[in-house]
Amino acid sequence: MRFHTRKWVKPEDLNPNGTLFGGQLLAWIDEEAALYTVIQLENSKIVTKYISEINFMSSAKQGDIIEIGMDVVKFGATSITLKCEARNKMTRETILTVDNIIMVNLDKDGKPVPHGKTEIEFVKNRLK
């Protein structure tokens, strides 16, 4: 799994218990899944279709640094399925895992359209 994004837990990210609000972490994950998909499918018109069970394992507190990792589970005709892990860089504990995040490729009218991708591509390999 590749960890591309880091977030710093700030006071506005905390819940009443003084730990990272799960909804904030899920927003960061949804954004990271969207960015990852846009880059992989080379299309800025994508949408989150499904997020599977979320397994919270630990938390984070103000000042901690969170890393968000994504990996491709499979390529569908119009979709890409990702898995995700968020971990606390300070404590080295996994905060949560998500086994399936399904992102759908859209055309200019917002309808699902085949993307033609079958494997992970890295931007540096596209520039040759």
N, C-alpha and C. Protein backbone atom coordinates (compact mmCIF):
# COMPACT_ATOMS: atom_id res chain seq x y z
N MET A 1 0.85 -1.18 0.00
CA MET A 1 0.00 0.00 0.00
C MET A 1 0.89 1.23 0.00
N ARG A 2 0.50 2.20 -0.82
CA ARG A 2 1.27 3.44 -0.91
C ARG A 2 0.56 4.53 -0.10
N PHE A 3 1.32 5.20 0.73
CA PHE A 3 0.82 6.27 1.57
C PHE A 3 1.26 7.60 0.96
N HIS A 4 0.31 8.28 0.30
CA HIS A 4 0.63 9.52 -0.41
C HIS A 4 0.27 10.77 0.39
N THR A 5 -0.65 10.65 1.31
CA THR A 5 -1.20 11.84 1.97
C THR A 5 -0.95 11.81 3.47
N ARG A 6 -0.60 12.98 3.97
CA ARG A 6 -0.46 13.15 5.42
C ARG A 6 -1.33 14.32 5.85
N LYS A 7 -1.95 14.16 7.00
CA LYS A 7 -2.79 15.22 7.58
C LYS A 7 -2.34 15.43 9.02
N TRP A 8 -2.33 16.67 9.41
CA TRP A 8 -1.98 17.05 10.77
C TRP A 8 -3.28 17.25 11.54
N VAL A 9 -3.44 16.58 12.66
CA VAL A 9 -4.67 16.70 13.45
C VAL A 9 -4.64 18.02 14.20
N LYS A 10 -5.61 18.89 13.86
CA LYS A 10 -5.69 20.23 14.44
C LYS A 10 -6.90 20.30 15.39
N PRO A 11 -7.01 21.34 16.19
CA PRO A 11 -8.11 21.45 17.15
C PRO A 11 -9.49 21.30 16.51
N GLU A 12 -9.67 21.82 15.30
CA GLU A 12 -10.98 21.74 14.64
C GLU A 12 -11.32 20.34 14.15
N ASP A 13 -10.36 19.41 14.21
CA ASP A 13 -10.57 18.03 13.78
C ASP A 13 -11.00 17.10 14.93
N LEU A 14 -11.10 17.65 16.13
CA LEU A 14 -11.35 16.82 17.32
C LEU A 14 -12.83 16.68 17.65
N ASN A 15 -13.17 15.57 18.27
CA ASN A 15 -14.53 15.35 18.78
C ASN A 15 -14.58 15.79 20.25
N PRO A 16 -15.74 15.69 20.91
CA PRO A 16 -15.83 16.11 22.31
C PRO A 16 -14.94 15.30 23.26
N ASN A 17 -14.45 14.14 22.82
CA ASN A 17 -13.54 13.34 23.65
C ASN A 17 -12.09 13.80 23.52
N GLY A 18 -11.83 14.79 22.64
CA GLY A 18 -10.48 15.28 22.46
C GLY A 18 -9.64 14.42 21.52
N THR A 19 -10.30 13.52 20.77
CA THR A 19 -9.60 12.70 19.79
C THR A 19 -10.12 13.02 18.39
N LEU A 20 -9.44 12.51 17.39
CA LEU A 20 -9.81 12.78 16.01
C LEU A 20 -11.24 12.33 15.74
N PHE A 21 -12.06 13.25 15.22
CA PHE A 21 -13.45 12.96 14.85
C PHE A 21 -13.44 12.02 13.64
N GLY A 22 -14.12 10.88 13.77
CA GLY A 22 -14.15 9.89 12.71
C GLY A 22 -14.67 10.44 11.40
N GLY A 23 -15.65 11.33 11.46
CA GLY A 23 -16.20 11.93 10.25
C GLY A 23 -15.18 12.76 9.49
N GLN A 24 -14.30 13.42 10.22
CA GLN A 24 -13.23 14.20 9.57
C GLN A 24 -12.28 13.27 8.85
N LEU A 25 -11.91 12.17 9.50
CA LEU A 25 -11.01 11.20 8.87
C LEU A 25 -11.66 10.60 7.63
N LEU A 26 -12.95 10.30 7.69
CA LEU A 26 -13.64 9.75 6.53
C LEU A 26 -13.70 10.75 5.38
N ALA A 27 -13.85 12.03 5.69
CA ALA A 27 -13.82 13.06 4.64
C ALA A 27 -12.45 13.09 3.97
N TRP A 28 -11.38 12.99 4.77
CA TRP A 28 -10.04 12.97 4.20
C TRP A 28 -9.85 11.74 3.31
N ILE A 29 -10.38 10.60 3.74
CA ILE A 29 -10.27 9.37 2.97
C ILE A 29 -11.04 9.48 1.66
N ASP A 30 -12.25 10.02 1.71
CA ASP A 30 -13.05 10.17 0.49
C ASP A 30 -12.33 11.08 -0.50
N GLU A 31 -11.74 12.15 -0.01
CA GLU A 31 -10.99 13.05 -0.88
C GLU A 31 -9.78 12.34 -1.48
N GLU A 32 -9.05 11.60 -0.67
CA GLU A 32 -7.88 10.88 -1.17
C GLU A 32 -8.27 9.83 -2.20
N ALA A 33 -9.39 9.12 -1.96
CA ALA A 33 -9.87 8.13 -2.94
C ALA A 33 -10.22 8.81 -4.25
N ALA A 34 -10.84 9.98 -4.18
CA ALA A 34 -11.19 10.72 -5.39
C ALA A 34 -9.93 11.16 -6.14
N LEU A 35 -8.97 11.73 -5.44
CA LEU A 35 -7.73 12.16 -6.09
C LEU A 35 -6.99 10.99 -6.72
N TYR A 36 -6.91 9.88 -5.99
CA TYR A 36 -6.24 8.68 -6.50
C TYR A 36 -6.91 8.20 -7.78
N THR A 37 -8.25 8.20 -7.78
CA THR A 37 -9.02 7.74 -8.93
C THR A 37 -8.86 8.66 -10.12
N VAL A 38 -8.92 9.96 -9.89
CA VAL A 38 -8.74 10.94 -10.98
C VAL A 38 -7.39 10.71 -11.66
N ILE A 39 -6.35 10.48 -10.87
CA ILE A 39 -5.02 10.27 -11.44
C ILE A 39 -4.96 8.94 -12.20
N GLN A 40 -5.52 7.88 -11.61
CA GLN A 40 -5.47 6.57 -12.27
C GLN A 40 -6.30 6.53 -13.55
N LEU A 41 -7.49 7.09 -13.52
CA LEU A 41 -8.39 7.00 -14.67
C LEU A 41 -8.23 8.16 -15.65
N GLU A 42 -7.42 9.14 -15.25
CA GLU A 42 -7.16 10.32 -16.10
C GLU A 42 -8.46 11.02 -16.50
N ASN A 43 -9.36 11.14 -15.53
CA ASN A 43 -10.65 11.80 -15.75
C ASN A 43 -11.05 12.47 -14.44
N SER A 44 -11.36 13.74 -14.48
CA SER A 44 -11.74 14.45 -13.26
C SER A 44 -13.21 14.26 -12.89
N LYS A 45 -13.97 13.60 -13.75
CA LYS A 45 -15.39 13.35 -13.46
C LYS A 45 -15.56 11.94 -12.93
N ILE A 46 -15.48 11.82 -11.61
CA ILE A 46 -15.66 10.54 -10.93
C ILE A 46 -16.57 10.77 -9.72
N VAL A 47 -17.07 9.67 -9.17
CA VAL A 47 -17.94 9.78 -8.01
C VAL A 47 -17.73 8.57 -7.11
N THR A 48 -17.89 8.78 -5.81
CA THR A 48 -17.85 7.67 -4.86
C THR A 48 -19.19 6.95 -4.91
N LYS A 49 -19.16 5.65 -5.19
CA LYS A 49 -20.39 4.87 -5.25
C LYS A 49 -20.64 4.12 -3.94
N TYR A 50 -19.57 3.61 -3.33
CA TYR A 50 -19.75 2.70 -2.20
C TYR A 50 -18.52 2.72 -1.30
N ILE A 51 -18.75 2.71 -0.02
CA ILE A 51 -17.67 2.52 0.96
C ILE A 51 -18.13 1.40 1.88
N SER A 52 -17.32 0.34 1.95
CA SER A 52 -17.69 -0.83 2.76
C SER A 52 -17.53 -0.55 4.25
N GLU A 53 -17.65 -1.58 5.02
CA GLU A 53 -17.48 -1.49 6.47
C GLU A 53 -16.17 -0.79 6.81
N ILE A 54 -16.25 0.09 7.79
CA ILE A 54 -15.09 0.84 8.25
C ILE A 54 -14.70 0.25 9.60
N ASN A 55 -13.46 -0.18 9.71
CA ASN A 55 -13.00 -0.81 10.95
C ASN A 55 -12.08 0.15 11.70
N PHE A 56 -12.64 0.83 12.72
CA PHE A 56 -11.84 1.72 13.56
C PHE A 56 -11.07 0.88 14.56
N MET A 57 -9.76 1.09 14.64
CA MET A 57 -8.90 0.29 15.50
C MET A 57 -8.21 1.10 16.60
N SER A 58 -7.95 2.36 16.34
CA SER A 58 -7.32 3.24 17.33
C SER A 58 -7.70 4.67 16.97
N SER A 59 -7.11 5.63 17.66
CA SER A 59 -7.47 7.02 17.39
C SER A 59 -6.22 7.87 17.27
N ALA A 60 -6.43 9.16 17.26
CA ALA A 60 -5.34 10.12 17.20
C ALA A 60 -5.76 11.34 18.00
N LYS A 61 -4.77 12.11 18.39
CA LYS A 61 -5.05 13.32 19.17
C LYS A 61 -4.43 14.52 18.49
N GLN A 62 -4.75 15.68 19.00
CA GLN A 62 -4.23 16.92 18.42
C GLN A 62 -2.71 16.85 18.33
N GLY A 63 -2.19 17.25 17.18
CA GLY A 63 -0.74 17.26 16.96
C GLY A 63 -0.22 16.01 16.28
N ASP A 64 -1.01 14.93 16.27
CA ASP A 64 -0.59 13.71 15.59
C ASP A 64 -0.62 13.92 14.08
N ILE A 65 0.15 13.13 13.36
CA ILE A 65 0.17 13.16 11.91
C ILE A 65 -0.43 11.84 11.42
N ILE A 66 -1.40 11.97 10.54
CA ILE A 66 -2.11 10.82 10.00
C ILE A 66 -1.63 10.59 8.58
N GLU A 67 -1.37 9.33 8.23
CA GLU A 67 -1.04 8.95 6.86
C GLU A 67 -2.21 8.16 6.29
N ILE A 68 -2.55 8.45 5.04
CA ILE A 68 -3.64 7.75 4.37
C ILE A 68 -3.07 7.01 3.17
N GLY A 69 -3.30 5.70 3.15
CA GLY A 69 -2.80 4.87 2.06
C GLY A 69 -3.93 4.27 1.25
N MET A 70 -3.70 4.17 -0.06
CA MET A 70 -4.68 3.59 -0.99
C MET A 70 -3.99 2.54 -1.82
N ASP A 71 -4.77 1.52 -2.19
CA ASP A 71 -4.29 0.51 -3.12
C ASP A 71 -5.47 0.02 -3.94
N VAL A 72 -5.21 -0.38 -5.17
CA VAL A 72 -6.28 -0.87 -6.04
C VAL A 72 -6.56 -2.33 -5.73
N VAL A 73 -7.84 -2.64 -5.54
CA VAL A 73 -8.29 -4.02 -5.36
C VAL A 73 -8.61 -4.61 -6.72
N LYS A 74 -9.35 -3.85 -7.55
CA LYS A 74 -9.66 -4.32 -8.91
C LYS A 74 -10.14 -3.17 -9.78
N PHE A 75 -10.05 -3.41 -11.07
CA PHE A 75 -10.59 -2.49 -12.07
C PHE A 75 -11.85 -3.12 -12.64
N GLY A 76 -12.96 -2.40 -12.59
CA GLY A 76 -14.19 -2.81 -13.25
C GLY A 76 -14.26 -2.10 -14.59
N ALA A 77 -15.34 -2.32 -15.33
CA ALA A 77 -15.49 -1.67 -16.64
C ALA A 77 -15.60 -0.14 -16.50
N THR A 78 -16.41 0.31 -15.53
CA THR A 78 -16.60 1.75 -15.32
C THR A 78 -16.12 2.21 -13.95
N SER A 79 -15.58 1.27 -13.18
CA SER A 79 -15.22 1.60 -11.79
C SER A 79 -13.81 1.14 -11.45
N ILE A 80 -13.37 1.60 -10.30
CA ILE A 80 -12.13 1.14 -9.70
C ILE A 80 -12.45 0.90 -8.23
N THR A 81 -12.01 -0.23 -7.70
CA THR A 81 -12.23 -0.56 -6.30
C THR A 81 -10.91 -0.42 -5.57
N LEU A 82 -10.93 0.36 -4.49
CA LEU A 82 -9.75 0.64 -3.69
C LEU A 82 -9.88 0.06 -2.30
N LYS A 83 -8.75 -0.12 -1.63
CA LYS A 83 -8.75 -0.38 -0.20
C LYS A 83 -7.93 0.72 0.44
N CYS A 84 -8.17 0.95 1.72
CA CYS A 84 -7.55 2.09 2.39
C CYS A 84 -7.11 1.71 3.80
N GLU A 85 -6.03 2.32 4.21
CA GLU A 85 -5.59 2.25 5.60
C GLU A 85 -5.18 3.65 6.03
N ALA A 86 -5.61 4.05 7.21
CA ALA A 86 -5.15 5.29 7.81
C ALA A 86 -4.37 4.92 9.05
N ARG A 87 -3.20 5.50 9.19
CA ARG A 87 -2.37 5.16 10.35
C ARG A 87 -1.82 6.42 11.00
N ASN A 88 -1.53 6.29 12.28
CA ASN A 88 -0.98 7.38 13.07
C ASN A 88 0.53 7.33 12.96
N LYS A 89 1.11 8.31 12.30
CA LYS A 89 2.55 8.34 12.08
C LYS A 89 3.32 8.46 13.40
N MET A 90 2.69 9.06 14.40
CA MET A 90 3.36 9.27 15.68
C MET A 90 3.41 7.99 16.52
N THR A 91 2.28 7.26 16.58
CA THR A 91 2.22 6.05 17.41
C THR A 91 2.46 4.78 16.60
N ARG A 92 2.43 4.91 15.27
CA ARG A 92 2.59 3.79 14.33
C ARG A 92 1.45 2.78 14.40
N GLU A 93 0.32 3.21 14.94
CA GLU A 93 -0.85 2.34 15.01
C GLU A 93 -1.77 2.59 13.83
N THR A 94 -2.42 1.52 13.37
CA THR A 94 -3.46 1.66 12.36
C THR A 94 -4.68 2.26 13.03
N ILE A 95 -5.23 3.31 12.44
CA ILE A 95 -6.43 3.95 12.97
C ILE A 95 -7.67 3.28 12.41
N LEU A 96 -7.66 3.06 11.10
CA LEU A 96 -8.80 2.36 10.49
C LEU A 96 -8.40 1.70 9.19
N THR A 97 -9.24 0.75 8.78
CA THR A 97 -9.11 0.14 7.47
C THR A 97 -10.48 0.14 6.80
N VAL A 98 -10.45 0.22 5.48
CA VAL A 98 -11.65 0.10 4.65
C VAL A 98 -11.27 -0.86 3.53
N ASP A 99 -12.02 -1.97 3.43
CA ASP A 99 -11.68 -3.00 2.44
C ASP A 99 -12.08 -2.63 1.02
N ASN A 100 -13.19 -1.91 0.86
CA ASN A 100 -13.67 -1.59 -0.49
C ASN A 100 -14.24 -0.18 -0.58
N ILE A 101 -13.67 0.59 -1.46
CA ILE A 101 -14.20 1.90 -1.83
C ILE A 101 -14.36 1.84 -3.35
N ILE A 102 -15.59 1.94 -3.82
CA ILE A 102 -15.84 1.87 -5.25
C ILE A 102 -16.05 3.27 -5.80
N MET A 103 -15.21 3.61 -6.77
CA MET A 103 -15.26 4.91 -7.44
C MET A 103 -15.67 4.65 -8.89
N VAL A 104 -16.58 5.49 -9.42
CA VAL A 104 -17.11 5.29 -10.76
C VAL A 104 -16.67 6.41 -11.69
N ASN A 105 -16.26 6.03 -12.88
CA ASN A 105 -15.84 6.93 -13.94
C ASN A 105 -17.09 7.46 -14.66
N LEU A 106 -17.17 8.78 -14.86
CA LEU A 106 -18.35 9.40 -15.47
C LEU A 106 -18.00 10.12 -16.77
N ASP A 107 -19.01 10.21 -17.65
CA ASP A 107 -18.85 11.01 -18.86
C ASP A 107 -19.26 12.45 -18.57
N LYS A 108 -19.27 13.29 -19.59
CA LYS A 108 -19.57 14.72 -19.39
C LYS A 108 -20.99 14.97 -18.90
N ASP A 109 -21.89 13.97 -19.09
CA ASP A 109 -23.27 14.10 -18.63
C ASP A 109 -23.51 13.46 -17.27
N GLY A 110 -22.45 12.96 -16.64
CA GLY A 110 -22.57 12.36 -15.32
C GLY A 110 -23.03 10.91 -15.32
N LYS A 111 -22.91 10.24 -16.45
CA LYS A 111 -23.31 8.84 -16.58
C LYS A 111 -22.06 7.95 -16.54
N PRO A 112 -22.16 6.75 -15.93
CA PRO A 112 -21.00 5.84 -15.92
C PRO A 112 -20.54 5.52 -17.34
N VAL A 113 -19.23 5.52 -17.51
CA VAL A 113 -18.64 5.25 -18.83
C VAL A 113 -17.38 4.39 -18.63
N PRO A 114 -17.15 3.42 -19.52
CA PRO A 114 -15.93 2.60 -19.41
C PRO A 114 -14.67 3.47 -19.45
N HIS A 115 -13.69 3.08 -18.64
CA HIS A 115 -12.44 3.84 -18.56
C HIS A 115 -11.29 3.17 -19.31
N GLY A 116 -11.40 1.89 -19.61
CA GLY A 116 -10.38 1.21 -20.39
C GLY A 116 -9.10 0.87 -19.66
N LYS A 117 -9.05 1.06 -18.35
CA LYS A 117 -7.84 0.78 -17.58
C LYS A 117 -7.91 -0.64 -16.99
N THR A 118 -6.74 -1.29 -16.90
CA THR A 118 -6.71 -2.65 -16.35
C THR A 118 -5.63 -2.84 -15.30
N GLU A 119 -4.78 -1.84 -15.13
CA GLU A 119 -3.72 -1.94 -14.13
C GLU A 119 -3.31 -0.56 -13.66
N ILE A 120 -2.64 -0.54 -12.51
CA ILE A 120 -2.15 0.72 -11.95
C ILE A 120 -1.10 1.31 -12.87
N GLU A 121 -1.21 2.60 -13.12
CA GLU A 121 -0.21 3.31 -13.91
C GLU A 121 0.36 4.44 -13.05
N PHE A 122 1.62 4.67 -13.21
CA PHE A 122 2.27 5.76 -12.52
C PHE A 122 2.51 6.90 -13.52
N VAL A 123 2.29 8.11 -13.08
CA VAL A 123 2.40 9.28 -13.96
C VAL A 123 3.73 9.31 -14.68
N LYS A 124 4.82 8.97 -13.99
CA LYS A 124 6.14 9.01 -14.62
C LYS A 124 6.22 8.09 -15.84
N ASN A 125 5.45 6.99 -15.83
CA ASN A 125 5.46 6.06 -16.96
C ASN A 125 4.62 6.58 -18.14
N ARG A 126 3.71 7.51 -17.90
CA ARG A 126 2.89 8.09 -18.95
C ARG A 126 3.65 9.17 -19.72
N LEU A 127 4.71 9.67 -19.15
CA LEU A 127 5.42 10.82 -19.71
C LEU A 127 6.56 10.44 -20.65
N LYS A 128 6.69 9.17 -20.97
CA LYS A 128 7.78 8.73 -21.84
C LYS A 128 7.53 9.05 -23.28
